[in-house]
Amino acid sequence: MGEDVHRGRNEIVGASADALTLLINGREETRSWNSVVNVSATITELPGSRIFAMVISFDDDRLFVVGEPERAWGPLVDQLHVQLPNVEAFTNWGPRLLAKPDAIELYVRA
């Protein structure tokens, strides 16, 4: 059952210095960091906890939401400020969101 649940779900499953790995309609695809158009972050309230979440959009109009518990979160946080110009490290924007939960723009392609 677990595999069927994710079959139709599109998600970011990895990030490296070279590219982002996406799962789209059950197939893995690689996208360059240059294809990222926008990245926003927020804190989402869940029963009994709060988690960070990022919304990442690409130049093909696909939009992905990545939450802190997902496997791609760590690699994304590690690479985001390295691969995209003018993006602050999580150590800067994470505490800002905790202090004042809101949505913030991390990156907008010029």
C-alpha atoms as a PDB file:
ATOM      1  CA  MET A   1       0.000   0.000   0.000  1.00  0.00           C
ATOM      2  CA  GLY A   2       2.781   2.505   0.851  1.00  0.00           C
ATOM      3  CA  GLU A   3       4.170   2.477  -2.678  1.00  0.00           C
ATOM      4  CA  ASP A   4       0.726   3.038  -4.211  1.00  0.00           C
ATOM      5  CA  VAL A   5       0.117   6.055  -1.972  1.00  0.00           C
ATOM      6  CA  HIS A   6       3.132   7.851  -3.486  1.00  0.00           C
ATOM      7  CA  ARG A   7       2.649   6.722  -7.084  1.00  0.00           C
ATOM      8  CA  GLY A   8       0.691   9.826  -8.115  1.00  0.00           C
ATOM      9  CA  ARG A   9       2.482  12.223  -5.805  1.00  0.00           C
ATOM     10  CA  ASN A  10       5.041  14.538  -7.333  1.00  0.00           C
ATOM     11  CA  GLU A  11       7.852  15.383  -4.942  1.00  0.00           C
ATOM     12  CA  ILE A  12      11.423  16.503  -4.591  1.00  0.00           C
ATOM     13  CA  VAL A  13      13.329  13.452  -3.403  1.00  0.00           C
ATOM     14  CA  GLY A  14      16.895  14.751  -3.404  1.00  0.00           C
ATOM     15  CA  ALA A  15      19.285  17.638  -3.881  1.00  0.00           C
ATOM     16  CA  SER A  16      22.985  17.767  -4.579  1.00  0.00           C
ATOM     17  CA  ALA A  17      25.493  20.315  -5.810  1.00  0.00           C
ATOM     18  CA  ASP A  18      24.744  19.112  -9.338  1.00  0.00           C
ATOM     19  CA  ALA A  19      20.942  19.069  -9.453  1.00  0.00           C
ATOM     20  CA  LEU A  20      17.592  18.440  -7.805  1.00  0.00           C
ATOM     21  CA  THR A  21      15.980  15.026  -8.107  1.00  0.00           C
ATOM     22  CA  LEU A  22      12.221  15.021  -8.627  1.00  0.00           C
ATOM     23  CA  LEU A  23       9.716  12.194  -8.657  1.00  0.00           C
ATOM     24  CA  ILE A  24       7.031  13.042 -11.231  1.00  0.00           C
ATOM     25  CA  ASN A  25       4.261  10.574 -12.001  1.00  0.00           C
ATOM     26  CA  GLY A  26       6.361   7.756 -10.571  1.00  0.00           C
ATOM     27  CA  ARG A  27       9.454   8.584 -12.664  1.00  0.00           C
ATOM     28  CA  GLU A  28      12.622  10.160 -11.372  1.00  0.00           C
ATOM     29  CA  GLU A  29      13.770  13.308 -13.166  1.00  0.00           C
ATOM     30  CA  THR A  30      16.767  15.547 -12.653  1.00  0.00           C
ATOM     31  CA  ARG A  31      16.473  19.332 -12.807  1.00  0.00           C
ATOM     32  CA  SER A  32      19.271  21.853 -12.699  1.00  0.00           C
ATOM     33  CA  TRP A  33      19.323  24.515 -10.026  1.00  0.00           C
ATOM     34  CA  ASN A  34      18.964  27.019 -12.896  1.00  0.00           C
ATOM     35  CA  SER A  35      15.404  25.778 -13.440  1.00  0.00           C
ATOM     36  CA  VAL A  36      14.301  26.996  -9.981  1.00  0.00           C
ATOM     37  CA  VAL A  37      12.172  30.140 -10.265  1.00  0.00           C
ATOM     38  CA  ASN A  38      11.039  30.775  -6.703  1.00  0.00           C
ATOM     39  CA  VAL A  39      11.567  29.439  -3.177  1.00  0.00           C
ATOM     40  CA  SER A  40       9.430  30.446  -0.207  1.00  0.00           C
ATOM     41  CA  ALA A  41       9.462  29.141   3.346  1.00  0.00           C
ATOM     42  CA  THR A  42       7.005  29.087   6.198  1.00  0.00           C
ATOM     43  CA  ILE A  43       6.151  27.244   9.387  1.00  0.00           C
ATOM     44  CA  THR A  44       3.177  24.905   9.302  1.00  0.00           C
ATOM     45  CA  GLU A  45       1.183  24.070  12.398  1.00  0.00           C
ATOM     46  CA  LEU A  46       0.417  20.389  12.837  1.00  0.00           C
ATOM     47  CA  PRO A  47      -1.351  18.743  15.750  1.00  0.00           C
ATOM     48  CA  GLY A  48       1.215  18.870  18.522  1.00  0.00           C
ATOM     49  CA  SER A  49       4.073  20.339  16.494  1.00  0.00           C
ATOM     50  CA  ARG A  50       5.300  22.976  14.095  1.00  0.00           C
ATOM     51  CA  ILE A  51       7.416  22.187  11.058  1.00  0.00           C
ATOM     52  CA  PHE A  52       9.273  24.198   8.484  1.00  0.00           C
ATOM     53  CA  ALA A  53       8.066  23.916   4.892  1.00  0.00           C
ATOM     54  CA  MET A  54       9.398  25.239   1.582  1.00  0.00           C
ATOM     55  CA  VAL A  55       7.518  25.835  -1.641  1.00  0.00           C
ATOM     56  CA  ILE A  56       9.737  25.540  -4.704  1.00  0.00           C
ATOM     57  CA  SER A  57       8.576  26.408  -8.205  1.00  0.00           C
ATOM     58  CA  PHE A  58      10.311  25.581 -11.466  1.00  0.00           C
ATOM     59  CA  ASP A  59      10.388  27.143 -14.915  1.00  0.00           C
ATOM     60  CA  ASP A  60       7.919  24.537 -16.228  1.00  0.00           C
ATOM     61  CA  ASP A  61       5.279  25.867 -13.770  1.00  0.00           C
ATOM     62  CA  ARG A  62       5.585  22.833 -11.473  1.00  0.00           C
ATOM     63  CA  LEU A  63       5.320  23.605  -7.784  1.00  0.00           C
ATOM     64  CA  PHE A  64       6.608  21.376  -4.981  1.00  0.00           C
ATOM     65  CA  VAL A  65       6.132  21.549  -1.235  1.00  0.00           C
ATOM     66  CA  VAL A  66       8.857  20.053   0.936  1.00  0.00           C
ATOM     67  CA  GLY A  67       8.295  19.696   4.664  1.00  0.00           C
ATOM     68  CA  GLU A  68      10.969  19.360   7.303  1.00  0.00           C
ATOM     69  CA  PRO A  69      10.242  15.644   7.969  1.00  0.00           C
ATOM     70  CA  GLU A  70      10.729  14.680   4.304  1.00  0.00           C
ATOM     71  CA  ARG A  71      13.925  12.989   3.138  1.00  0.00           C
ATOM     72  CA  ALA A  72      14.806  15.827   0.748  1.00  0.00           C
ATOM     73  CA  TRP A  73      14.686  18.509   3.461  1.00  0.00           C
ATOM     74  CA  GLY A  74      18.254  18.117   4.732  1.00  0.00           C
ATOM     75  CA  PRO A  75      19.941  18.051   1.316  1.00  0.00           C
ATOM     76  CA  LEU A  76      17.801  21.005   0.158  1.00  0.00           C
ATOM     77  CA  VAL A  77      18.672  23.097   3.200  1.00  0.00           C
ATOM     78  CA  ASP A  78      22.355  22.225   2.757  1.00  0.00           C
ATOM     79  CA  GLN A  79      22.439  23.187  -0.932  1.00  0.00           C
ATOM     80  CA  LEU A  80      19.901  26.006  -1.277  1.00  0.00           C
ATOM     81  CA  HIS A  81      22.147  28.854  -0.140  1.00  0.00           C
ATOM     82  CA  VAL A  82      25.129  27.422  -2.008  1.00  0.00           C
ATOM     83  CA  GLN A  83      23.400  26.928  -5.382  1.00  0.00           C
ATOM     84  CA  LEU A  84      21.026  29.897  -5.590  1.00  0.00           C
ATOM     85  CA  PRO A  85      22.313  33.489  -5.528  1.00  0.00           C
ATOM     86  CA  ASN A  86      21.544  35.665  -2.521  1.00  0.00           C
ATOM     87  CA  VAL A  87      19.835  32.913  -0.526  1.00  0.00           C
ATOM     88  CA  GLU A  88      20.649  32.975   3.168  1.00  0.00           C
ATOM     89  CA  ALA A  89      21.624  29.826   5.029  1.00  0.00           C
ATOM     90  CA  PHE A  90      18.933  28.082   7.069  1.00  0.00           C
ATOM     91  CA  THR A  91      20.795  29.122  10.221  1.00  0.00           C
ATOM     92  CA  ASN A  92      19.702  32.689   9.375  1.00  0.00           C
ATOM     93  CA  TRP A  93      16.164  32.310   8.059  1.00  0.00           C
ATOM     94  CA  GLY A  94      15.070  29.392  10.269  1.00  0.00           C
ATOM     95  CA  PRO A  95      15.340  31.299  13.561  1.00  0.00           C
ATOM     96  CA  ARG A  96      13.651  34.330  11.948  1.00  0.00           C
ATOM     97  CA  LEU A  97      10.649  32.165  11.050  1.00  0.00           C
ATOM     98  CA  LEU A  98      10.523  30.663  14.535  1.00  0.00           C
ATOM     99  CA  ALA A  99      10.488  34.142  16.076  1.00  0.00           C
ATOM    100  CA  LYS A 100       7.838  35.446  13.682  1.00  0.00           C
ATOM    101  CA  PRO A 101       5.979  32.674  11.842  1.00  0.00           C
ATOM    102  CA  ASP A 102       5.044  33.980   8.421  1.00  0.00           C
ATOM    103  CA  ALA A 103       5.910  33.203   4.811  1.00  0.00           C
ATOM    104  CA  ILE A 104       9.213  34.543   3.531  1.00  0.00           C
ATOM    105  CA  GLU A 105      10.687  34.653   0.063  1.00  0.00           C
ATOM    106  CA  LEU A 106      14.089  32.977  -0.006  1.00  0.00           C
ATOM    107  CA  TYR A 107      14.691  33.227  -3.737  1.00  0.00           C
ATOM    108  CA  VAL A 108      13.093  34.847  -6.773  1.00  0.00           C
ATOM    109  CA  ARG A 109      14.862  34.389 -10.090  1.00  0.00           C
ATOM    110  CA  ALA A 110      15.608  37.733 -11.686  1.00  0.00           C
END
